[in-house]
Amino acid sequence: MSVSDVQKELDQLRKEVAALSAARKQKEATSAQNNDNASSDAEEDDAGHEIKGQIEELIKLLQDEIRDMPALTALAVFALGVLMGRLLR
């Protein structure tokens, strides 16, 4: 191999290394972006589960309150709520 052949081979290898480095950086950037999106989705899921849990807890508390209340009182509270709803309309 002559010096010019070696020089051409080195130039070719440098170009390949540069192309591979650029591809690797692009892949890492895409991977980091996907990880950010995945963590955002996980946070949204956690928030959704938290809200759902709070709603279920509220419903359970309301059911317990109504169960402990006499039927006539529960009916009066319900009627008062309907009346207030109509008046606020």
N, C-alpha and C. Protein backbone atom coordinates (compact mmCIF):
# COMPACT_ATOMS: atom_id res chain seq x y z
N MET A 1 0.84 -1.17 0.00
CA MET A 1 0.00 0.00 0.00
C MET A 1 0.88 1.23 0.00
N SER A 2 0.47 2.16 -0.80
CA SER A 2 1.24 3.40 -0.88
C SER A 2 0.73 4.40 0.16
N VAL A 3 1.44 5.47 0.30
CA VAL A 3 1.08 6.51 1.27
C VAL A 3 -0.26 7.13 0.90
N SER A 4 -0.50 7.34 -0.38
CA SER A 4 -1.77 7.94 -0.81
C SER A 4 -2.95 7.00 -0.52
N ASP A 5 -2.73 5.70 -0.68
CA ASP A 5 -3.79 4.74 -0.36
C ASP A 5 -4.11 4.75 1.14
N VAL A 6 -3.09 4.83 1.95
CA VAL A 6 -3.27 4.88 3.40
C VAL A 6 -4.00 6.17 3.79
N GLN A 7 -3.60 7.27 3.13
CA GLN A 7 -4.25 8.56 3.41
C GLN A 7 -5.73 8.51 3.03
N LYS A 8 -6.05 7.90 1.88
CA LYS A 8 -7.45 7.77 1.46
C LYS A 8 -8.22 6.91 2.45
N GLU A 9 -7.60 5.84 2.88
CA GLU A 9 -8.25 4.94 3.84
C GLU A 9 -8.51 5.68 5.17
N LEU A 10 -7.55 6.46 5.63
CA LEU A 10 -7.73 7.24 6.87
C LEU A 10 -8.85 8.26 6.71
N ASP A 11 -8.91 8.93 5.58
CA ASP A 11 -9.98 9.90 5.34
C ASP A 11 -11.34 9.22 5.35
N GLN A 12 -11.41 8.07 4.72
CA GLN A 12 -12.66 7.31 4.69
C GLN A 12 -13.07 6.89 6.10
N LEU A 13 -12.12 6.41 6.89
CA LEU A 13 -12.40 6.00 8.26
C LEU A 13 -12.86 7.18 9.11
N ARG A 14 -12.24 8.34 8.92
CA ARG A 14 -12.64 9.55 9.66
C ARG A 14 -14.09 9.93 9.33
N LYS A 15 -14.45 9.83 8.06
CA LYS A 15 -15.82 10.15 7.65
C LYS A 15 -16.81 9.18 8.29
N GLU A 16 -16.45 7.90 8.31
CA GLU A 16 -17.33 6.90 8.91
C GLU A 16 -17.49 7.13 10.41
N VAL A 17 -16.38 7.45 11.09
CA VAL A 17 -16.43 7.72 12.53
C VAL A 17 -17.31 8.94 12.80
N ALA A 18 -17.17 9.98 12.00
CA ALA A 18 -17.98 11.19 12.17
C ALA A 18 -19.46 10.87 11.96
N ALA A 19 -19.77 10.07 10.94
CA ALA A 19 -21.16 9.71 10.67
C ALA A 19 -21.73 8.87 11.81
N LEU A 20 -20.94 7.92 12.32
CA LEU A 20 -21.39 7.08 13.43
C LEU A 20 -21.58 7.90 14.70
N SER A 21 -20.69 8.85 14.95
CA SER A 21 -20.82 9.71 16.13
C SER A 21 -22.08 10.56 16.04
N ALA A 22 -22.36 11.10 14.87
CA ALA A 22 -23.57 11.91 14.68
C ALA A 22 -24.82 11.05 14.88
N ALA A 23 -24.80 9.84 14.35
CA ALA A 23 -25.95 8.95 14.50
C ALA A 23 -26.16 8.58 15.97
N ARG A 24 -25.06 8.35 16.69
CA ARG A 24 -25.16 7.99 18.10
C ARG A 24 -25.72 9.16 18.91
N LYS A 25 -25.26 10.37 18.64
CA LYS A 25 -25.76 11.54 19.34
C LYS A 25 -27.25 11.75 19.07
N GLN A 26 -27.64 11.55 17.81
CA GLN A 26 -29.05 11.70 17.46
C GLN A 26 -29.89 10.65 18.18
N LYS A 27 -29.39 9.43 18.24
CA LYS A 27 -30.13 8.36 18.92
C LYS A 27 -30.24 8.65 20.41
N GLU A 28 -29.18 9.16 21.03
CA GLU A 28 -29.21 9.50 22.45
C GLU A 28 -30.20 10.63 22.71
N ALA A 29 -30.23 11.61 21.82
CA ALA A 29 -31.17 12.73 21.98
C ALA A 29 -32.61 12.23 21.87
N THR A 30 -32.87 11.36 20.91
CA THR A 30 -34.20 10.80 20.74
C THR A 30 -34.58 9.96 21.95
N SER A 31 -33.64 9.18 22.45
CA SER A 31 -33.89 8.34 23.62
C SER A 31 -34.19 9.20 24.84
N ALA A 32 -33.45 10.28 25.04
CA ALA A 32 -33.67 11.18 26.17
C ALA A 32 -35.04 11.83 26.07
N GLN A 33 -35.42 12.21 24.84
CA GLN A 33 -36.73 12.83 24.64
C GLN A 33 -37.84 11.83 24.95
N ASN A 34 -37.67 10.58 24.52
CA ASN A 34 -38.67 9.56 24.80
C ASN A 34 -38.77 9.30 26.30
N ASN A 35 -37.64 9.32 27.00
CA ASN A 35 -37.66 9.12 28.45
C ASN A 35 -38.39 10.25 29.14
N ASP A 36 -38.22 11.49 28.66
CA ASP A 36 -38.94 12.62 29.23
C ASP A 36 -40.44 12.46 29.03
N ASN A 37 -40.83 12.01 27.84
CA ASN A 37 -42.25 11.80 27.55
C ASN A 37 -42.80 10.67 28.42
N ALA A 38 -42.01 9.62 28.60
CA ALA A 38 -42.46 8.49 29.42
C ALA A 38 -42.63 8.91 30.87
N SER A 39 -41.72 9.74 31.37
CA SER A 39 -41.84 10.18 32.76
C SER A 39 -43.04 11.10 32.91
N SER A 40 -43.35 11.91 31.90
CA SER A 40 -44.53 12.76 31.95
C SER A 40 -45.79 11.92 31.97
N ASP A 41 -45.82 10.87 31.15
CA ASP A 41 -46.97 9.97 31.14
C ASP A 41 -47.12 9.27 32.48
N ALA A 42 -46.01 8.87 33.09
CA ALA A 42 -46.06 8.21 34.39
C ALA A 42 -46.58 9.17 35.44
N GLU A 43 -46.17 10.42 35.38
CA GLU A 43 -46.66 11.41 36.34
C GLU A 43 -48.15 11.63 36.17
N GLU A 44 -48.61 11.68 34.92
CA GLU A 44 -50.04 11.85 34.66
C GLU A 44 -50.82 10.66 35.18
N ASP A 45 -50.29 9.44 34.99
CA ASP A 45 -50.95 8.25 35.50
C ASP A 45 -51.02 8.29 37.01
N ASP A 46 -49.93 8.69 37.66
CA ASP A 46 -49.92 8.79 39.12
C ASP A 46 -50.95 9.80 39.60
N ALA A 47 -51.03 10.94 38.93
CA ALA A 47 -51.99 11.96 39.30
C ALA A 47 -53.42 11.45 39.11
N GLY A 48 -53.65 10.71 38.01
CA GLY A 48 -54.97 10.15 37.76
C GLY A 48 -55.37 9.14 38.82
N HIS A 49 -54.42 8.30 39.24
CA HIS A 49 -54.70 7.32 40.29
C HIS A 49 -54.98 8.03 41.62
N GLU A 50 -54.23 9.09 41.88
CA GLU A 50 -54.41 9.83 43.13
C GLU A 50 -55.80 10.47 43.18
N ILE A 51 -56.20 11.10 42.07
CA ILE A 51 -57.52 11.73 42.01
C ILE A 51 -58.62 10.69 42.13
N LYS A 52 -58.45 9.58 41.45
CA LYS A 52 -59.44 8.51 41.51
C LYS A 52 -59.57 7.99 42.94
N GLY A 53 -58.45 7.84 43.62
CA GLY A 53 -58.47 7.38 45.01
C GLY A 53 -59.18 8.38 45.91
N GLN A 54 -58.95 9.67 45.69
CA GLN A 54 -59.61 10.69 46.50
C GLN A 54 -61.12 10.69 46.27
N ILE A 55 -61.52 10.51 45.02
CA ILE A 55 -62.96 10.48 44.71
C ILE A 55 -63.61 9.26 45.36
N GLU A 56 -62.94 8.11 45.27
CA GLU A 56 -63.48 6.90 45.89
C GLU A 56 -63.58 7.06 47.40
N GLU A 57 -62.60 7.71 48.01
CA GLU A 57 -62.63 7.95 49.45
C GLU A 57 -63.79 8.87 49.82
N LEU A 58 -64.01 9.93 49.01
CA LEU A 58 -65.12 10.84 49.26
C LEU A 58 -66.46 10.12 49.15
N ILE A 59 -66.61 9.29 48.14
CA ILE A 59 -67.86 8.54 47.97
C ILE A 59 -68.10 7.62 49.15
N LYS A 60 -67.03 6.96 49.60
CA LYS A 60 -67.17 6.06 50.75
C LYS A 60 -67.58 6.83 52.00
N LEU A 61 -66.96 8.00 52.22
CA LEU A 61 -67.33 8.81 53.38
C LEU A 61 -68.78 9.27 53.31
N LEU A 62 -69.22 9.69 52.11
CA LEU A 62 -70.61 10.12 51.94
C LEU A 62 -71.57 8.96 52.17
N GLN A 63 -71.22 7.79 51.68
CA GLN A 63 -72.07 6.62 51.91
C GLN A 63 -72.17 6.30 53.40
N ASP A 64 -71.07 6.39 54.11
CA ASP A 64 -71.08 6.13 55.55
C ASP A 64 -71.93 7.18 56.27
N GLU A 65 -71.82 8.45 55.89
CA GLU A 65 -72.62 9.50 56.51
C GLU A 65 -74.11 9.26 56.28
N ILE A 66 -74.46 8.90 55.06
CA ILE A 66 -75.88 8.68 54.75
C ILE A 66 -76.40 7.45 55.49
N ARG A 67 -75.58 6.40 55.59
CA ARG A 67 -75.99 5.19 56.32
C ARG A 67 -76.23 5.49 57.79
N ASP A 68 -75.41 6.36 58.36
CA ASP A 68 -75.54 6.68 59.78
C ASP A 68 -76.70 7.63 60.05
N MET A 69 -77.17 8.33 59.04
CA MET A 69 -78.24 9.30 59.19
C MET A 69 -79.60 8.61 59.13
N PRO A 70 -80.55 9.07 59.93
CA PRO A 70 -81.91 8.51 59.82
C PRO A 70 -82.49 8.81 58.43
N ALA A 71 -83.38 7.97 57.97
CA ALA A 71 -83.93 8.09 56.62
C ALA A 71 -84.64 9.42 56.40
N LEU A 72 -85.39 9.87 57.37
CA LEU A 72 -86.12 11.13 57.23
C LEU A 72 -85.16 12.31 57.11
N THR A 73 -84.09 12.30 57.87
CA THR A 73 -83.11 13.37 57.81
C THR A 73 -82.40 13.35 56.45
N ALA A 74 -82.05 12.17 55.96
CA ALA A 74 -81.39 12.05 54.66
C ALA A 74 -82.29 12.58 53.56
N LEU A 75 -83.58 12.28 53.64
CA LEU A 75 -84.54 12.76 52.65
C LEU A 75 -84.66 14.28 52.74
N ALA A 76 -84.67 14.83 53.92
CA ALA A 76 -84.77 16.28 54.09
C ALA A 76 -83.53 16.97 53.53
N VAL A 77 -82.35 16.42 53.77
CA VAL A 77 -81.11 17.00 53.25
C VAL A 77 -81.10 16.94 51.72
N PHE A 78 -81.55 15.83 51.17
CA PHE A 78 -81.62 15.70 49.72
C PHE A 78 -82.58 16.73 49.12
N ALA A 79 -83.76 16.87 49.73
CA ALA A 79 -84.75 17.82 49.23
C ALA A 79 -84.22 19.24 49.33
N LEU A 80 -83.54 19.56 50.41
CA LEU A 80 -82.95 20.88 50.57
C LEU A 80 -81.89 21.14 49.49
N GLY A 81 -81.09 20.12 49.16
CA GLY A 81 -80.09 20.25 48.10
C GLY A 81 -80.73 20.50 46.75
N VAL A 82 -81.81 19.78 46.46
CA VAL A 82 -82.52 19.98 45.18
C VAL A 82 -83.11 21.38 45.14
N LEU A 83 -83.72 21.83 46.24
CA LEU A 83 -84.31 23.15 46.29
C LEU A 83 -83.25 24.24 46.10
N MET A 84 -82.13 24.11 46.76
CA MET A 84 -81.03 25.08 46.62
C MET A 84 -80.50 25.09 45.19
N GLY A 85 -80.42 23.92 44.59
CA GLY A 85 -79.97 23.82 43.20
C GLY A 85 -80.92 24.55 42.25
N ARG A 86 -82.18 24.41 42.48
CA ARG A 86 -83.19 25.08 41.64
C ARG A 86 -83.13 26.60 41.83
N LEU A 87 -82.96 27.03 43.07
CA LEU A 87 -82.92 28.46 43.34
C LEU A 87 -81.66 29.12 42.80
N LEU A 88 -80.56 28.42 42.78
CA LEU A 88 -79.32 28.98 42.28
C LEU A 88 -79.23 29.00 40.76
N ARG A 89 -80.11 28.35 40.12
CA ARG A 89 -80.13 28.29 38.66
C ARG A 89 -80.44 29.57 38.07
